[in-house]
Structure formats: C-alpha cells, structure tokens
PDB file of all heavy atoms in Angstrom:
ATOM      1  N   LEU A   1       9.444 -12.940  -6.404  1.00  0.00           N
ATOM      2  CA  LEU A   1       8.265 -12.891  -5.550  1.00  0.00           C
ATOM      3  C   LEU A   1       7.034 -13.368  -6.312  1.00  0.00           C
ATOM      4  O   LEU A   1       6.877 -13.096  -7.506  1.00  0.00           O
ATOM      5  CB  LEU A   1       8.026 -11.458  -5.052  1.00  0.00           C
ATOM      6  CG  LEU A   1       9.159 -10.820  -4.244  1.00  0.00           C
ATOM      7  CD1 LEU A   1       8.844  -9.353  -3.957  1.00  0.00           C
ATOM      8  CD2 LEU A   1       9.390 -11.576  -2.947  1.00  0.00           C
ATOM      9  N   THR A   2       6.169 -14.066  -5.611  1.00  0.00           N
ATOM     10  CA  THR A   2       4.930 -14.568  -6.228  1.00  0.00           C
ATOM     11  C   THR A   2       3.701 -13.894  -5.616  1.00  0.00           C
ATOM     12  O   THR A   2       2.602 -14.443  -5.647  1.00  0.00           O
ATOM     13  CB  THR A   2       4.820 -16.088  -6.050  1.00  0.00           C
ATOM     14  OG1 THR A   2       4.879 -16.407  -4.648  1.00  0.00           O
ATOM     15  CG2 THR A   2       5.927 -16.810  -6.791  1.00  0.00           C
ATOM     16  N   CYS A   3       3.892 -12.723  -5.054  1.00  0.00           N
ATOM     17  CA  CYS A   3       2.811 -12.016  -4.370  1.00  0.00           C
ATOM     18  C   CYS A   3       1.843 -11.373  -5.367  1.00  0.00           C
ATOM     19  O   CYS A   3       2.108 -11.309  -6.575  1.00  0.00           O
ATOM     20  CB  CYS A   3       3.397 -10.958  -3.456  1.00  0.00           C
ATOM     21  SG  CYS A   3       4.395  -9.732  -4.300  1.00  0.00           S
ATOM     22  N   ALA A   4       0.734 -10.847  -4.833  1.00  0.00           N
ATOM     23  CA  ALA A   4      -0.265 -10.177  -5.652  1.00  0.00           C
ATOM     24  C   ALA A   4       0.240  -8.811  -6.122  1.00  0.00           C
ATOM     25  O   ALA A   4       1.093  -8.195  -5.483  1.00  0.00           O
ATOM     26  CB  ALA A   4      -1.559 -10.011  -4.853  1.00  0.00           C
ATOM     27  N   ILE A   5      -0.320  -8.354  -7.239  1.00  0.00           N
ATOM     28  CA  ILE A   5       0.038  -7.070  -7.838  1.00  0.00           C
ATOM     29  C   ILE A   5      -1.192  -6.172  -7.837  1.00  0.00           C
ATOM     30  O   ILE A   5      -2.282  -6.595  -8.241  1.00  0.00           O
ATOM     31  CB  ILE A   5       0.554  -7.256  -9.275  1.00  0.00           C
ATOM     32  CG1 ILE A   5       1.761  -8.195  -9.315  1.00  0.00           C
ATOM     33  CG2 ILE A   5       0.879  -5.900  -9.908  1.00  0.00           C
ATOM     34  CD1 ILE A   5       2.964  -7.715  -8.553  1.00  0.00           C
ATOM     35  N   TYR A   6      -1.010  -4.929  -7.386  1.00  0.00           N
ATOM     36  CA  TYR A   6      -2.129  -3.984  -7.327  1.00  0.00           C
ATOM     37  C   TYR A   6      -1.690  -2.605  -7.806  1.00  0.00           C
ATOM     38  O   TYR A   6      -0.491  -2.286  -7.829  1.00  0.00           O
ATOM     39  CB  TYR A   6      -2.632  -3.840  -5.881  1.00  0.00           C
ATOM     40  CG  TYR A   6      -3.263  -5.069  -5.294  1.00  0.00           C
ATOM     41  CD1 TYR A   6      -2.484  -6.004  -4.609  1.00  0.00           C
ATOM     42  CD2 TYR A   6      -4.633  -5.284  -5.397  1.00  0.00           C
ATOM     43  CE1 TYR A   6      -3.066  -7.133  -4.048  1.00  0.00           C
ATOM     44  CE2 TYR A   6      -5.227  -6.415  -4.835  1.00  0.00           C
ATOM     45  CZ  TYR A   6      -4.439  -7.334  -4.165  1.00  0.00           C
ATOM     46  OH  TYR A   6      -5.023  -8.446  -3.619  1.00  0.00           O
ATOM     47  N   THR A   7      -2.701  -1.784  -8.112  1.00  0.00           N
ATOM     48  CA  THR A   7      -2.451  -0.365  -8.384  1.00  0.00           C
ATOM     49  C   THR A   7      -3.113   0.517  -7.328  1.00  0.00           C
ATOM     50  O   THR A   7      -2.980   1.737  -7.384  1.00  0.00           O
ATOM     51  CB  THR A   7      -2.980   0.040  -9.775  1.00  0.00           C
ATOM     52  OG1 THR A   7      -4.375  -0.269  -9.847  1.00  0.00           O
ATOM     53  CG2 THR A   7      -2.224  -0.707 -10.875  1.00  0.00           C
ATOM     54  N   ASP A   8      -3.804  -0.080  -6.348  1.00  0.00           N
ATOM     55  CA  ASP A   8      -4.487   0.658  -5.299  1.00  0.00           C
ATOM     56  C   ASP A   8      -4.082   0.106  -3.940  1.00  0.00           C
ATOM     57  O   ASP A   8      -4.254  -1.089  -3.671  1.00  0.00           O
ATOM     58  CB  ASP A   8      -6.000   0.551  -5.469  1.00  0.00           C
ATOM     59  CG  ASP A   8      -6.758   1.336  -4.401  1.00  0.00           C
ATOM     60  OD1 ASP A   8      -6.900   2.554  -4.561  1.00  0.00           O
ATOM     61  OD2 ASP A   8      -7.172   0.718  -3.396  1.00  0.00           O
ATOM     62  N   VAL A   9      -3.564   0.972  -3.079  1.00  0.00           N
ATOM     63  CA  VAL A   9      -3.027   0.509  -1.804  1.00  0.00           C
ATOM     64  C   VAL A   9      -4.119   0.005  -0.869  1.00  0.00           C
ATOM     65  O   VAL A   9      -3.946  -1.001  -0.168  1.00  0.00           O
ATOM     66  CB  VAL A   9      -2.195   1.615  -1.124  1.00  0.00           C
ATOM     67  CG1 VAL A   9      -3.018   2.850  -0.803  1.00  0.00           C
ATOM     68  CG2 VAL A   9      -1.535   1.082   0.151  1.00  0.00           C
ATOM     69  N   GLU A  10      -5.274   0.669  -0.836  1.00  0.00           N
ATOM     70  CA  GLU A  10      -6.340   0.235   0.061  1.00  0.00           C
ATOM     71  C   GLU A  10      -6.877  -1.139  -0.332  1.00  0.00           C
ATOM     72  O   GLU A  10      -7.122  -1.994   0.531  1.00  0.00           O
ATOM     73  CB  GLU A  10      -7.456   1.277   0.086  1.00  0.00           C
ATOM     74  CG  GLU A  10      -7.004   2.619   0.655  1.00  0.00           C
ATOM     75  CD  GLU A  10      -8.149   3.585   0.865  1.00  0.00           C
ATOM     76  OE1 GLU A  10      -9.189   3.151   1.410  1.00  0.00           O
ATOM     77  OE2 GLU A  10      -8.019   4.753   0.483  1.00  0.00           O
ATOM     78  N   GLN A  11      -7.046  -1.361  -1.614  1.00  0.00           N
ATOM     79  CA  GLN A  11      -7.481  -2.679  -2.079  1.00  0.00           C
ATOM     80  C   GLN A  11      -6.456  -3.745  -1.714  1.00  0.00           C
ATOM     81  O   GLN A  11      -6.807  -4.849  -1.277  1.00  0.00           O
ATOM     82  CB  GLN A  11      -7.704  -2.662  -3.590  1.00  0.00           C
ATOM     83  CG  GLN A  11      -8.209  -3.993  -4.148  1.00  0.00           C
ATOM     84  CD  GLN A  11      -8.321  -3.991  -5.671  1.00  0.00           C
ATOM     85  OE1 GLN A  11      -7.945  -3.011  -6.333  1.00  0.00           O
ATOM     86  NE2 GLN A  11      -8.823  -5.076  -6.227  1.00  0.00           N
ATOM     87  N   ALA A  12      -5.185  -3.422  -1.856  1.00  0.00           N
ATOM     88  CA  ALA A  12      -4.129  -4.385  -1.539  1.00  0.00           C
ATOM     89  C   ALA A  12      -4.179  -4.768  -0.060  1.00  0.00           C
ATOM     90  O   ALA A  12      -4.069  -5.954   0.298  1.00  0.00           O
ATOM     91  CB  ALA A  12      -2.769  -3.792  -1.885  1.00  0.00           C
ATOM     92  N   ILE A  13      -4.369  -3.770   0.817  1.00  0.00           N
ATOM     93  CA  ILE A  13      -4.425  -4.059   2.251  1.00  0.00           C
ATOM     94  C   ILE A  13      -5.636  -4.928   2.579  1.00  0.00           C
ATOM     95  O   ILE A  13      -5.537  -5.931   3.294  1.00  0.00           O
ATOM     96  CB  ILE A  13      -4.480  -2.739   3.056  1.00  0.00           C
ATOM     97  CG1 ILE A  13      -3.168  -1.959   2.912  1.00  0.00           C
ATOM     98  CG2 ILE A  13      -4.761  -3.020   4.539  1.00  0.00           C
ATOM     99  CD1 ILE A  13      -3.241  -0.534   3.437  1.00  0.00           C
ATOM    100  N   GLN A  14      -6.784  -4.547   2.059  1.00  0.00           N
ATOM    101  CA  GLN A  14      -8.022  -5.253   2.380  1.00  0.00           C
ATOM    102  C   GLN A  14      -8.019  -6.693   1.886  1.00  0.00           C
ATOM    103  O   GLN A  14      -8.479  -7.603   2.583  1.00  0.00           O
ATOM    104  CB  GLN A  14      -9.215  -4.492   1.788  1.00  0.00           C
ATOM    105  CG  GLN A  14      -9.474  -3.141   2.458  1.00  0.00           C
ATOM    106  CD  GLN A  14     -10.496  -2.312   1.713  1.00  0.00           C
ATOM    107  OE1 GLN A  14     -10.681  -2.455   0.503  1.00  0.00           O
ATOM    108  NE2 GLN A  14     -11.157  -1.415   2.429  1.00  0.00           N
ATOM    109  N   GLU A  15      -7.485  -6.928   0.708  1.00  0.00           N
ATOM    110  CA  GLU A  15      -7.569  -8.260   0.113  1.00  0.00           C
ATOM    111  C   GLU A  15      -6.464  -9.197   0.573  1.00  0.00           C
ATOM    112  O   GLU A  15      -6.581 -10.409   0.420  1.00  0.00           O
ATOM    113  CB  GLU A  15      -7.574  -8.148  -1.414  1.00  0.00           C
ATOM    114  CG  GLU A  15      -8.822  -7.461  -1.948  1.00  0.00           C
ATOM    115  CD  GLU A  15      -8.911  -7.473  -3.472  1.00  0.00           C
ATOM    116  OE1 GLU A  15      -7.999  -8.042  -4.130  1.00  0.00           O
ATOM    117  OE2 GLU A  15      -9.885  -6.900  -4.001  1.00  0.00           O
ATOM    118  N   THR A  16      -5.391  -8.665   1.135  1.00  0.00           N
ATOM    119  CA  THR A  16      -4.282  -9.522   1.560  1.00  0.00           C
ATOM    120  C   THR A  16      -4.198  -9.689   3.076  1.00  0.00           C
ATOM    121  O   THR A  16      -3.420 -10.504   3.560  1.00  0.00           O
ATOM    122  CB  THR A  16      -2.930  -8.954   1.068  1.00  0.00           C
ATOM    123  OG1 THR A  16      -2.717  -7.665   1.667  1.00  0.00           O
ATOM    124  CG2 THR A  16      -2.901  -8.849  -0.450  1.00  0.00           C
ATOM    125  N   GLY A  17      -4.968  -8.900   3.831  1.00  0.00           N
ATOM    126  CA  GLY A  17      -4.868  -8.961   5.279  1.00  0.00           C
ATOM    127  C   GLY A  17      -3.539  -8.435   5.800  1.00  0.00           C
ATOM    128  O   GLY A  17      -3.044  -8.884   6.840  1.00  0.00           O
ATOM    129  N   ALA A  18      -2.956  -7.466   5.104  1.00  0.00           N
ATOM    130  CA  ALA A  18      -1.661  -6.906   5.494  1.00  0.00           C
ATOM    131  C   ALA A  18      -1.756  -6.175   6.828  1.00  0.00           C
ATOM    132  O   ALA A  18      -2.814  -5.638   7.195  1.00  0.00           O
ATOM    133  CB  ALA A  18      -1.166  -5.949   4.418  1.00  0.00           C
ATOM    134  N   ASN A  19      -0.654  -6.179   7.560  1.00  0.00           N
ATOM    135  CA  ASN A  19      -0.588  -5.387   8.795  1.00  0.00           C
ATOM    136  C   ASN A  19       0.586  -4.413   8.808  1.00  0.00           C
ATOM    137  O   ASN A  19       0.811  -3.712   9.787  1.00  0.00           O
ATOM    138  CB  ASN A  19      -0.531  -6.297  10.029  1.00  0.00           C
ATOM    139  CG  ASN A  19       0.648  -7.258  10.001  1.00  0.00           C
ATOM    140  OD1 ASN A  19       1.524  -7.183   9.139  1.00  0.00           O
ATOM    141  ND2 ASN A  19       0.670  -8.174  10.947  1.00  0.00           N
ATOM    142  N   LEU A  20       1.349  -4.372   7.715  1.00  0.00           N
ATOM    143  CA  LEU A  20       2.486  -3.460   7.612  1.00  0.00           C
ATOM    144  C   LEU A  20       2.623  -2.993   6.164  1.00  0.00           C
ATOM    145  O   LEU A  20       2.597  -3.815   5.245  1.00  0.00           O
ATOM    146  CB  LEU A  20       3.777  -4.160   8.052  1.00  0.00           C
ATOM    147  CG  LEU A  20       5.076  -3.374   7.943  1.00  0.00           C
ATOM    148  CD1 LEU A  20       5.045  -2.121   8.811  1.00  0.00           C
ATOM    149  CD2 LEU A  20       6.271  -4.255   8.335  1.00  0.00           C
ATOM    150  N   VAL A  21       2.739  -1.685   5.991  1.00  0.00           N
ATOM    151  CA  VAL A  21       2.917  -1.093   4.660  1.00  0.00           C
ATOM    152  C   VAL A  21       4.273  -0.422   4.591  1.00  0.00           C
ATOM    153  O   VAL A  21       4.662   0.313   5.514  1.00  0.00           O
ATOM    154  CB  VAL A  21       1.800  -0.073   4.361  1.00  0.00           C
ATOM    155  CG1 VAL A  21       2.128   0.752   3.106  1.00  0.00           C
ATOM    156  CG2 VAL A  21       0.468  -0.789   4.181  1.00  0.00           C
ATOM    157  N   MET A  22       5.013  -0.664   3.511  1.00  0.00           N
ATOM    158  CA  MET A  22       6.269   0.029   3.248  1.00  0.00           C
ATOM    159  C   MET A  22       6.028   1.036   2.137  1.00  0.00           C
ATOM    160  O   MET A  22       5.745   0.662   0.993  1.00  0.00           O
ATOM    161  CB  MET A  22       7.365  -0.969   2.848  1.00  0.00           C
ATOM    162  CG  MET A  22       7.779  -1.877   3.977  1.00  0.00           C
ATOM    163  SD  MET A  22       9.175  -2.947   3.549  1.00  0.00           S
ATOM    164  CE  MET A  22       9.517  -3.686   5.150  1.00  0.00           C
ATOM    165  N   ASP A  23       6.101   2.311   2.497  1.00  0.00           N
ATOM    166  CA  ASP A  23       5.819   3.403   1.569  1.00  0.00           C
ATOM    167  C   ASP A  23       7.117   3.914   0.967  1.00  0.00           C
ATOM    168  O   ASP A  23       7.876   4.631   1.608  1.00  0.00           O
ATOM    169  CB  ASP A  23       5.090   4.521   2.314  1.00  0.00           C
ATOM    170  CG  ASP A  23       4.822   5.733   1.434  1.00  0.00           C
ATOM    171  OD1 ASP A  23       5.011   5.645   0.205  1.00  0.00           O
ATOM    172  OD2 ASP A  23       4.411   6.779   1.986  1.00  0.00           O
ATOM    173  N   ILE A  24       7.370   3.550  -0.287  1.00  0.00           N
ATOM    174  CA  ILE A  24       8.612   3.933  -0.966  1.00  0.00           C
ATOM    175  C   ILE A  24       8.253   4.753  -2.197  1.00  0.00           C
ATOM    176  O   ILE A  24       8.877   4.660  -3.255  1.00  0.00           O
ATOM    177  CB  ILE A  24       9.442   2.673  -1.319  1.00  0.00           C
ATOM    178  CG1 ILE A  24       9.345   1.649  -0.190  1.00  0.00           C
ATOM    179  CG2 ILE A  24      10.930   3.034  -1.519  1.00  0.00           C
ATOM    180  CD1 ILE A  24       9.899   0.297  -0.534  1.00  0.00           C
ATOM    181  N   THR A  25       7.220   5.571  -2.052  1.00  0.00           N
ATOM    182  CA  THR A  25       6.744   6.407  -3.140  1.00  0.00           C
ATOM    183  C   THR A  25       7.437   7.769  -3.088  1.00  0.00           C
ATOM    184  O   THR A  25       8.272   8.037  -2.223  1.00  0.00           O
ATOM    185  CB  THR A  25       5.223   6.608  -3.021  1.00  0.00           C
ATOM    186  OG1 THR A  25       4.931   7.244  -1.767  1.00  0.00           O
ATOM    187  CG2 THR A  25       4.502   5.268  -3.078  1.00  0.00           C
ATOM    188  N   ILE A  26       7.063   8.652  -4.003  1.00  0.00           N
ATOM    189  CA  ILE A  26       7.598  10.010  -4.011  1.00  0.00           C
ATOM    190  C   ILE A  26       6.977  10.805  -2.866  1.00  0.00           C
ATOM    191  O   ILE A  26       5.885  10.481  -2.382  1.00  0.00           O
ATOM    192  CB  ILE A  26       7.343  10.703  -5.360  1.00  0.00           C
ATOM    193  CG1 ILE A  26       5.838  10.785  -5.653  1.00  0.00           C
ATOM    194  CG2 ILE A  26       8.071   9.968  -6.483  1.00  0.00           C
ATOM    195  CD1 ILE A  26       5.488  11.557  -6.911  1.00  0.00           C
ATOM    196  N   PRO A  27       7.646  11.865  -2.378  1.00  0.00           N
ATOM    197  CA  PRO A  27       7.144  12.601  -1.210  1.00  0.00           C
ATOM    198  C   PRO A  27       5.701  13.078  -1.328  1.00  0.00           C
ATOM    199  O   PRO A  27       4.958  13.057  -0.338  1.00  0.00           O
ATOM    200  CB  PRO A  27       8.121  13.772  -1.104  1.00  0.00           C
ATOM    201  CG  PRO A  27       9.397  13.221  -1.649  1.00  0.00           C
ATOM    202  CD  PRO A  27       8.994  12.328  -2.779  1.00  0.00           C
ATOM    203  N   SER A  28       5.279  13.493  -2.509  1.00  0.00           N
ATOM    204  CA  SER A  28       3.914  14.003  -2.663  1.00  0.00           C
ATOM    205  C   SER A  28       2.860  12.925  -2.454  1.00  0.00           C
ATOM    206  O   SER A  28       1.676  13.241  -2.253  1.00  0.00           O
ATOM    207  CB  SER A  28       3.741  14.648  -4.042  1.00  0.00           C
ATOM    208  OG  SER A  28       3.992  13.699  -5.071  1.00  0.00           O
ATOM    209  N   SER A  29       3.254  11.657  -2.488  1.00  0.00           N
ATOM    210  CA  SER A  29       2.310  10.551  -2.286  1.00  0.00           C
ATOM    211  C   SER A  29       2.316  10.023  -0.861  1.00  0.00           C
ATOM    212  O   SER A  29       1.453   9.215  -0.494  1.00  0.00           O
ATOM    213  CB  SER A  29       2.647   9.399  -3.248  1.00  0.00           C
ATOM    214  OG  SER A  29       2.498   9.782  -4.585  1.00  0.00           O
ATOM    215  N   HIS A  30       3.276  10.449  -0.034  1.00  0.00           N
ATOM    216  CA  HIS A  30       3.426   9.855   1.289  1.00  0.00           C
ATOM    217  C   HIS A  30       2.187  10.047   2.172  1.00  0.00           C
ATOM    218  O   HIS A  30       1.782   9.128   2.891  1.00  0.00           O
ATOM    219  CB  HIS A  30       4.648  10.439   1.994  1.00  0.00           C
ATOM    220  CG  HIS A  30       5.940   9.956   1.414  1.00  0.00           C
ATOM    221  ND1 HIS A  30       7.173  10.394   1.854  1.00  0.00           N
ATOM    222  CD2 HIS A  30       6.203   9.063   0.427  1.00  0.00           C
ATOM    223  CE1 HIS A  30       8.123   9.803   1.157  1.00  0.00           C
ATOM    224  NE2 HIS A  30       7.562   8.997   0.283  1.00  0.00           N
ATOM    225  N   HIS A  31       1.586  11.214   2.127  1.00  0.00           N
ATOM    226  CA  HIS A  31       0.430  11.466   2.983  1.00  0.00           C
ATOM    227  C   HIS A  31      -0.705  10.506   2.646  1.00  0.00           C
ATOM    228  O   HIS A  31      -1.307   9.885   3.543  1.00  0.00           O
ATOM    229  CB  HIS A  31      -0.031  12.914   2.835  1.00  0.00           C
ATOM    230  CG  HIS A  31      -1.233  13.254   3.656  1.00  0.00           C
ATOM    231  ND1 HIS A  31      -2.513  13.249   3.128  1.00  0.00           N
ATOM    232  CD2 HIS A  31      -1.373  13.591   4.968  1.00  0.00           C
ATOM    233  CE1 HIS A  31      -3.378  13.573   4.073  1.00  0.00           C
ATOM    234  NE2 HIS A  31      -2.713  13.788   5.193  1.00  0.00           N
ATOM    235  N   HIS A  32      -1.015  10.363   1.375  1.00  0.00           N
ATOM    236  CA  HIS A  32      -2.113   9.473   0.971  1.00  0.00           C
ATOM    237  C   HIS A  32      -1.821   8.025   1.336  1.00  0.00           C
ATOM    238  O   HIS A  32      -2.675   7.346   1.924  1.00  0.00           O
ATOM    239  CB  HIS A  32      -2.354   9.574  -0.539  1.00  0.00           C
ATOM    240  CG  HIS A  32      -3.266   8.501  -1.053  1.00  0.00           C
ATOM    241  ND1 HIS A  32      -4.610   8.458  -0.750  1.00  0.00           N
ATOM    242  CD2 HIS A  32      -3.005   7.406  -1.825  1.00  0.00           C
ATOM    243  CE1 HIS A  32      -5.148   7.383  -1.319  1.00  0.00           C
ATOM    244  NE2 HIS A  32      -4.211   6.736  -1.973  1.00  0.00           N
ATOM    245  N   VAL A  33      -0.636   7.554   1.018  1.00  0.00           N
ATOM    246  CA  VAL A  33      -0.305   6.157   1.284  1.00  0.00           C
ATOM    247  C   VAL A  33      -0.299   5.886   2.782  1.00  0.00           C
ATOM    248  O   VAL A  33      -0.869   4.902   3.269  1.00  0.00           O
ATOM    249  CB  VAL A  33       1.060   5.792   0.662  1.00  0.00           C
ATOM    250  CG1 VAL A  33       1.502   4.393   1.103  1.00  0.00           C
ATOM    251  CG2 VAL A  33       0.984   5.858  -0.858  1.00  0.00           C
ATOM    252  N   CYS A  34       0.336   6.762   3.526  1.00  0.00           N
ATOM    253  CA  CYS A  34       0.482   6.555   4.963  1.00  0.00           C
ATOM    254  C   CYS A  34      -0.859   6.625   5.681  1.00  0.00           C
ATOM    255  O   CYS A  34      -1.178   5.755   6.515  1.00  0.00           O
ATOM    256  CB  CYS A  34       1.452   7.581   5.538  1.00  0.00           C
ATOM    257  SG  CYS A  34       1.840   7.285   7.278  1.00  0.00           S
ATOM    258  N   THR A  35      -1.656   7.637   5.394  1.00  0.00           N
ATOM    259  CA  THR A  35      -2.941   7.750   6.080  1.00  0.00           C
ATOM    260  C   THR A  35      -3.873   6.614   5.693  1.00  0.00           C
ATOM    261  O   THR A  35      -4.635   6.123   6.536  1.00  0.00           O
ATOM    262  CB  THR A  35      -3.599   9.108   5.798  1.00  0.00           C
ATOM    263  OG1 THR A  35      -3.724   9.308   4.380  1.00  0.00           O
ATOM    264  CG2 THR A  35      -2.776  10.244   6.399  1.00  0.00           C
ATOM    265  N   SER A  36      -3.828   6.179   4.439  1.00  0.00           N
ATOM    266  CA  SER A  36      -4.643   5.031   4.032  1.00  0.00           C
ATOM    267  C   SER A  36      -4.260   3.796   4.830  1.00  0.00           C
ATOM    268  O   SER A  36      -5.121   3.050   5.318  1.00  0.00           O
ATOM    269  CB  SER A  36      -4.472   4.760   2.535  1.00  0.00           C
ATOM    270  OG  SER A  36      -4.936   5.842   1.754  1.00  0.00           O
ATOM    271  N   ALA A  37      -2.956   3.571   4.988  1.00  0.00           N
ATOM    272  CA  ALA A  37      -2.471   2.412   5.722  1.00  0.00           C
ATOM    273  C   ALA A  37      -2.859   2.480   7.197  1.00  0.00           C
ATOM    274  O   ALA A  37      -3.337   1.503   7.788  1.00  0.00           O
ATOM    275  CB  ALA A  37      -0.962   2.297   5.574  1.00  0.00           C
TER     276      ALA A  37
END
C-alpha cells in the first residue's frame, strides 16, 4: 500500500476525505475511534 500513515484518526479522516473507517483496535479504544469517525 502507498497510502498515508497517521497516528491520529481524526487527522487521517480530515486530510484524506475518508468516508469509511475500519476500527481494528483493542476493545478499550473502540468508543473513541468509532465516535470520532
């Protein structure tokens, strides 16, 4: 893959124009990732 690399999900969404997020994190992170998306 030649896609961009990020450490922050909100920045990744905003800068790439994403419309779908795949959350494959640990359960304790699901709420933050999902609600941010």
